[in-house]
C-alpha atoms as a PDB file:
ATOM      1  CA  UNK A   1     -73.341  18.320  57.099  1.00  0.00           C
ATOM      2  CA  UNK A   2     -76.674  18.636  58.798  1.00  0.00           C
ATOM      3  CA  UNK A   3     -78.864  21.131  60.514  1.00  0.00           C
ATOM      4  CA  UNK A   4     -79.465  21.599  64.169  1.00  0.00           C
ATOM      5  CA  UNK A   5     -80.115  23.868  67.073  1.00  0.00           C
ATOM      6  CA  UNK A   6     -78.464  24.102  70.438  1.00  0.00           C
ATOM      7  CA  UNK A   7     -80.977  21.651  71.935  1.00  0.00           C
ATOM      8  CA  UNK A   8     -81.608  19.136  69.145  1.00  0.00           C
ATOM      9  CA  UNK A   9     -80.360  17.855  65.806  1.00  0.00           C
ATOM     10  CA  UNK A  10     -82.640  17.839  62.779  1.00  0.00           C
ATOM     11  CA  UNK A  11     -83.294  14.662  60.934  1.00  0.00           C
ATOM     12  CA  UNK A  12     -83.053  14.200  57.231  1.00  0.00           C
ATOM     13  CA  UNK A  13     -85.519  15.525  54.710  1.00  0.00           C
ATOM     14  CA  UNK A  14     -86.419  13.927  51.370  1.00  0.00           C
ATOM     15  CA  UNK A  15     -85.626  15.983  48.244  1.00  0.00           C
ATOM     16  CA  UNK A  16     -89.354  16.433  47.397  1.00  0.00           C
ATOM     17  CA  UNK A  17     -90.660  16.952  50.938  1.00  0.00           C
ATOM     18  CA  UNK A  18     -91.997  20.472  50.324  1.00  0.00           C
ATOM     19  CA  UNK A  19     -93.981  19.541  47.206  1.00  0.00           C
ATOM     20  CA  UNK A  20     -97.610  20.045  48.313  1.00  0.00           C
ATOM     21  CA  UNK A  21     -99.059  18.822  45.035  1.00  0.00           C
ATOM     22  CA  UNK A  22     -98.148  15.160  45.364  1.00  0.00           C
ATOM     23  CA  UNK A  23    -100.745  12.555  46.197  1.00  0.00           C
ATOM     24  CA  UNK A  24    -100.446  10.352  49.247  1.00  0.00           C
ATOM     25  CA  UNK A  25    -100.203   7.333  46.908  1.00  0.00           C
ATOM     26  CA  UNK A  26     -97.123   8.811  45.269  1.00  0.00           C
ATOM     27  CA  UNK A  27     -95.602   9.474  48.682  1.00  0.00           C
ATOM     28  CA  UNK A  28     -96.220   5.859  49.699  1.00  0.00           C
ATOM     29  CA  UNK A  29     -94.655   4.643  46.414  1.00  0.00           C
ATOM     30  CA  UNK A  30     -91.437   6.686  46.952  1.00  0.00           C
ATOM     31  CA  UNK A  31     -91.207   7.466  50.700  1.00  0.00           C
ATOM     32  CA  UNK A  32     -87.480   8.246  50.447  1.00  0.00           C
ATOM     33  CA  UNK A  33     -88.363  11.436  48.560  1.00  0.00           C
ATOM     34  CA  UNK A  34     -90.945  12.782  51.039  1.00  0.00           C
ATOM     35  CA  UNK A  35     -89.880  11.884  54.574  1.00  0.00           C
ATOM     36  CA  UNK A  36     -89.056  14.447  57.215  1.00  0.00           C
ATOM     37  CA  UNK A  37     -88.002  13.982  60.814  1.00  0.00           C
ATOM     38  CA  UNK A  38     -87.493  17.412  62.360  1.00  0.00           C
ATOM     39  CA  UNK A  39     -86.270  16.559  65.845  1.00  0.00           C
ATOM     40  CA  UNK A  40     -84.058  13.556  65.188  1.00  0.00           C
ATOM     41  CA  UNK A  41     -81.783  13.698  68.251  1.00  0.00           C
ATOM     42  CA  UNK A  42     -83.262  15.409  71.340  1.00  0.00           C
ATOM     43  CA  UNK A  43     -82.603  15.409  75.048  1.00  0.00           C
ATOM     44  CA  UNK A  44     -85.082  12.529  75.251  1.00  0.00           C
ATOM     45  CA  UNK A  45     -83.085  10.140  73.024  1.00  0.00           C
ATOM     46  CA  UNK A  46     -79.537  11.494  73.212  1.00  0.00           C
ATOM     47  CA  UNK A  47     -78.591   8.592  75.464  1.00  0.00           C
ATOM     48  CA  UNK A  48     -78.170   6.650  72.190  1.00  0.00           C
ATOM     49  CA  UNK A  49     -74.752   8.371  72.079  1.00  0.00           C
ATOM     50  CA  UNK A  50     -73.713   6.676  75.351  1.00  0.00           C
ATOM     51  CA  UNK A  51     -70.203   5.295  75.081  1.00  0.00           C
ATOM     52  CA  UNK A  52     -69.741   6.837  71.622  1.00  0.00           C
ATOM     53  CA  UNK A  53     -67.399   9.402  70.127  1.00  0.00           C
ATOM     54  CA  UNK A  54     -69.467  12.056  68.354  1.00  0.00           C
ATOM     55  CA  UNK A  55     -68.328  14.304  65.505  1.00  0.00           C
ATOM     56  CA  UNK A  56     -71.343  16.476  64.875  1.00  0.00           C
ATOM     57  CA  UNK A  57     -70.902  18.646  61.760  1.00  0.00           C
ATOM     58  CA  UNK A  58     -74.257  20.293  62.312  1.00  0.00           C
ATOM     59  CA  UNK A  59     -75.290  23.894  62.770  1.00  0.00           C
ATOM     60  CA  UNK A  60     -75.247  24.987  66.426  1.00  0.00           C
ATOM     61  CA  UNK A  61     -74.211  21.589  67.722  1.00  0.00           C
ATOM     62  CA  UNK A  62     -71.715  23.446  69.929  1.00  0.00           C
ATOM     63  CA  UNK A  63     -74.459  24.219  72.452  1.00  0.00           C
ATOM     64  CA  UNK A  64     -76.571  22.390  74.986  1.00  0.00           C
ATOM     65  CA  UNK A  65     -76.934  19.252  72.892  1.00  0.00           C
ATOM     66  CA  UNK A  66     -73.182  18.491  73.258  1.00  0.00           C
ATOM     67  CA  UNK A  67     -73.222  19.003  77.007  1.00  0.00           C
ATOM     68  CA  UNK A  68     -76.285  16.786  77.332  1.00  0.00           C
ATOM     69  CA  UNK A  69     -74.609  14.079  75.204  1.00  0.00           C
ATOM     70  CA  UNK A  70     -71.675  14.034  77.634  1.00  0.00           C
ATOM     71  CA  UNK A  71     -73.999  14.071  80.658  1.00  0.00           C
ATOM     72  CA  UNK A  72     -75.813  11.042  79.175  1.00  0.00           C
ATOM     73  CA  UNK A  73     -72.570   9.125  78.642  1.00  0.00           C
ATOM     74  CA  UNK A  74     -70.947  10.100  75.308  1.00  0.00           C
ATOM     75  CA  UNK A  75     -67.124   9.853  75.523  1.00  0.00           C
ATOM     76  CA  UNK A  76     -66.518  12.998  73.526  1.00  0.00           C
ATOM     77  CA  UNK A  77     -68.687  15.362  71.481  1.00  0.00           C
ATOM     78  CA  UNK A  78     -67.253  17.732  68.882  1.00  0.00           C
ATOM     79  CA  UNK A  79     -69.779  20.376  67.851  1.00  0.00           C
ATOM     80  CA  UNK A  80     -69.850  23.348  65.518  1.00  0.00           C
ATOM     81  CA  UNK A  81     -71.423  26.802  65.564  1.00  0.00           C
ATOM     82  CA  UNK A  82     -73.585  28.414  62.920  1.00  0.00           C
ATOM     83  CA  UNK A  83     -72.667  27.108  59.460  1.00  0.00           C
ATOM     84  CA  UNK A  84     -74.505  29.145  56.831  1.00  0.00           C
ATOM     85  CA  UNK A  85     -74.177  26.863  53.791  1.00  0.00           C
ATOM     86  CA  UNK A  86     -77.294  27.706  51.791  1.00  0.00           C
ATOM     87  CA  UNK A  87     -78.496  30.818  50.019  1.00  0.00           C
ATOM     88  CA  UNK A  88     -81.457  31.002  52.423  1.00  0.00           C
ATOM     89  CA  UNK A  89     -79.140  30.951  55.438  1.00  0.00           C
ATOM     90  CA  UNK A  90     -76.934  33.631  53.870  1.00  0.00           C
ATOM     91  CA  UNK A  91     -80.005  35.780  53.316  1.00  0.00           C
ATOM     92  CA  UNK A  92     -80.769  35.410  57.038  1.00  0.00           C
ATOM     93  CA  UNK A  93     -77.265  36.854  57.594  1.00  0.00           C
ATOM     94  CA  UNK A  94     -78.291  39.871  55.421  1.00  0.00           C
ATOM     95  CA  UNK A  95     -75.667  39.098  52.787  1.00  0.00           C
ATOM     96  CA  UNK A  96     -78.059  39.649  49.887  1.00  0.00           C
ATOM     97  CA  UNK A  97     -78.144  43.407  50.440  1.00  0.00           C
ATOM     98  CA  UNK A  98     -74.405  43.899  49.893  1.00  0.00           C
ATOM     99  CA  UNK A  99     -73.582  45.294  46.428  1.00  0.00           C
ATOM    100  CA  UNK A 100     -71.581  43.046  44.129  1.00  0.00           C
ATOM    101  CA  UNK A 101     -72.196  39.989  46.285  1.00  0.00           C
ATOM    102  CA  UNK A 102     -73.145  36.668  44.753  1.00  0.00           C
ATOM    103  CA  UNK A 103     -74.785  34.470  47.355  1.00  0.00           C
ATOM    104  CA  UNK A 104     -74.391  31.472  45.053  1.00  0.00           C
ATOM    105  CA  UNK A 105     -70.610  32.046  44.920  1.00  0.00           C
ATOM    106  CA  UNK A 106     -70.412  32.341  48.712  1.00  0.00           C
ATOM    107  CA  UNK A 107     -72.586  29.223  49.188  1.00  0.00           C
ATOM    108  CA  UNK A 108     -70.472  27.162  46.798  1.00  0.00           C
ATOM    109  CA  UNK A 109     -67.200  28.352  48.344  1.00  0.00           C
ATOM    110  CA  UNK A 110     -68.314  27.645  51.925  1.00  0.00           C
ATOM    111  CA  UNK A 111     -69.608  24.153  51.116  1.00  0.00           C
ATOM    112  CA  UNK A 112     -66.473  23.357  49.124  1.00  0.00           C
ATOM    113  CA  UNK A 113     -64.102  24.713  51.775  1.00  0.00           C
ATOM    114  CA  UNK A 114     -65.780  23.096  54.756  1.00  0.00           C
ATOM    115  CA  UNK A 115     -65.874  19.718  53.006  1.00  0.00           C
ATOM    116  CA  UNK A 116     -62.205  20.044  52.019  1.00  0.00           C
ATOM    117  CA  UNK A 117     -61.121  21.139  55.511  1.00  0.00           C
ATOM    118  CA  UNK A 118     -63.036  18.409  57.304  1.00  0.00           C
ATOM    119  CA  UNK A 119     -62.087  15.573  54.932  1.00  0.00           C
ATOM    120  CA  UNK A 120     -58.406  16.515  54.953  1.00  0.00           C
ATOM    121  CA  UNK A 121     -58.324  16.956  58.724  1.00  0.00           C
ATOM    122  CA  UNK A 122     -60.062  13.695  59.515  1.00  0.00           C
ATOM    123  CA  UNK A 123     -57.938  11.785  57.013  1.00  0.00           C
ATOM    124  CA  UNK A 124     -54.707  13.055  58.480  1.00  0.00           C
ATOM    125  CA  UNK A 125     -55.801  12.518  62.071  1.00  0.00           C
ATOM    126  CA  UNK A 126     -56.916   8.944  61.391  1.00  0.00           C
ATOM    127  CA  UNK A 127     -53.644   8.149  59.601  1.00  0.00           C
ATOM    128  CA  UNK A 128     -51.660   9.565  62.549  1.00  0.00           C
ATOM    129  CA  UNK A 129     -53.906   8.043  65.243  1.00  0.00           C
ATOM    130  CA  UNK A 130     -54.633  11.466  66.724  1.00  0.00           C
ATOM    131  CA  UNK A 131     -57.073  12.764  69.339  1.00  0.00           C
ATOM    132  CA  UNK A 132     -60.167  14.941  69.008  1.00  0.00           C
ATOM    133  CA  UNK A 133     -58.117  17.840  70.440  1.00  0.00           C
ATOM    134  CA  UNK A 134     -55.535  17.377  67.702  1.00  0.00           C
ATOM    135  CA  UNK A 135     -58.304  17.145  65.142  1.00  0.00           C
ATOM    136  CA  UNK A 136     -59.682  20.529  66.211  1.00  0.00           C
ATOM    137  CA  UNK A 137     -56.190  22.035  66.079  1.00  0.00           C
ATOM    138  CA  UNK A 138     -55.721  20.694  62.559  1.00  0.00           C
ATOM    139  CA  UNK A 139     -59.172  21.904  61.416  1.00  0.00           C
ATOM    140  CA  UNK A 140     -58.302  25.379  62.671  1.00  0.00           C
ATOM    141  CA  UNK A 141     -54.864  25.270  61.040  1.00  0.00           C
ATOM    142  CA  UNK A 142     -56.198  24.203  57.637  1.00  0.00           C
ATOM    143  CA  UNK A 143     -59.006  26.758  57.937  1.00  0.00           C
ATOM    144  CA  UNK A 144     -56.394  29.463  58.507  1.00  0.00           C
ATOM    145  CA  UNK A 145     -54.613  28.282  55.378  1.00  0.00           C
ATOM    146  CA  UNK A 146     -57.863  28.563  53.393  1.00  0.00           C
ATOM    147  CA  UNK A 147     -58.568  32.034  54.835  1.00  0.00           C
ATOM    148  CA  UNK A 148     -55.105  33.133  53.742  1.00  0.00           C
ATOM    149  CA  UNK A 149     -55.720  31.651  50.288  1.00  0.00           C
ATOM    150  CA  UNK A 150     -58.802  33.821  49.841  1.00  0.00           C
ATOM    151  CA  UNK A 151     -57.320  37.024  51.287  1.00  0.00           C
ATOM    152  CA  UNK A 152     -53.913  36.792  49.591  1.00  0.00           C
ATOM    153  CA  UNK A 153     -54.356  34.762  46.415  1.00  0.00           C
ATOM    154  CA  UNK A 154     -57.955  35.440  45.326  1.00  0.00           C
ATOM    155  CA  UNK A 155     -58.075  39.206  45.033  1.00  0.00           C
ATOM    156  CA  UNK A 156     -60.306  39.011  41.943  1.00  0.00           C
ATOM    157  CA  UNK A 157     -63.149  37.339  43.929  1.00  0.00           C
ATOM    158  CA  UNK A 158     -65.263  40.207  45.269  1.00  0.00           C
ATOM    159  CA  UNK A 159     -66.734  37.959  47.994  1.00  0.00           C
ATOM    160  CA  UNK A 160     -63.334  36.828  49.263  1.00  0.00           C
ATOM    161  CA  UNK A 161     -63.523  38.795  52.546  1.00  0.00           C
ATOM    162  CA  UNK A 162     -66.998  37.494  53.310  1.00  0.00           C
ATOM    163  CA  UNK A 163     -65.862  33.946  52.590  1.00  0.00           C
ATOM    164  CA  UNK A 164     -62.829  34.456  54.830  1.00  0.00           C
ATOM    165  CA  UNK A 165     -65.022  35.858  57.618  1.00  0.00           C
ATOM    166  CA  UNK A 166     -67.384  32.876  57.437  1.00  0.00           C
ATOM    167  CA  UNK A 167     -64.416  30.498  57.548  1.00  0.00           C
ATOM    168  CA  UNK A 168     -63.088  32.341  60.560  1.00  0.00           C
ATOM    169  CA  UNK A 169     -66.470  32.025  62.295  1.00  0.00           C
ATOM    170  CA  UNK A 170     -66.515  28.329  61.343  1.00  0.00           C
ATOM    171  CA  UNK A 171     -63.256  27.607  63.137  1.00  0.00           C
ATOM    172  CA  UNK A 172     -64.116  29.786  66.145  1.00  0.00           C
ATOM    173  CA  UNK A 173     -67.400  27.925  66.686  1.00  0.00           C
ATOM    174  CA  UNK A 174     -65.809  24.496  67.207  1.00  0.00           C
ATOM    175  CA  UNK A 175     -66.245  23.095  70.708  1.00  0.00           C
ATOM    176  CA  UNK A 176     -65.205  19.834  72.325  1.00  0.00           C
ATOM    177  CA  UNK A 177     -67.156  18.439  75.287  1.00  0.00           C
ATOM    178  CA  UNK A 178     -65.949  15.436  77.222  1.00  0.00           C
ATOM    179  CA  UNK A 179     -62.537  13.792  76.866  1.00  0.00           C
ATOM    180  CA  UNK A 180     -60.488  15.915  74.438  1.00  0.00           C
ATOM    181  CA  UNK A 181     -57.719  13.282  74.545  1.00  0.00           C
ATOM    182  CA  UNK A 182     -59.992  10.562  73.154  1.00  0.00           C
ATOM    183  CA  UNK A 183     -58.496   9.071  69.972  1.00  0.00           C
ATOM    184  CA  UNK A 184     -60.598   9.336  66.819  1.00  0.00           C
ATOM    185  CA  UNK A 185     -60.238   5.631  66.157  1.00  0.00           C
ATOM    186  CA  UNK A 186     -59.843   2.903  68.765  1.00  0.00           C
END
């Protein structure tokens, strides 16, 4: 899972990147902890996807970046909408102001559920030699099962409706550009 915008994908960030009190020598000694590449994939270098099948589990990858990838020669591009999977992102959604709401519980549930849904869907689709279109159908089906689980079976979780709503938004934000019939493997 990564971060992105409709027009570029963010690069990775080292776990200590924001620490302003570290010397340049320490950063040179352990660069893996301090790197940051904000605009990793942009319109300028997206042609690196030419001839490739792209599964882009990144915030807002369902926008212009997917269309541009196809225009520059990607076979298929599967993108996602807004995926609030951190407490900071949930605060941006104004969830912190709702009484009885634990942002940590929502964050953990969303990360857990999205990982479960994606891993299970990809595993099944690879085993059955399915297409990107079938993958999206399966992601949506399993997401519906998880929504039902929260709404029907988890009545003691006060955040269950919020979690279900975010899962609904997750499945609704999935977009395929290019050849929907492209097989995942092969």
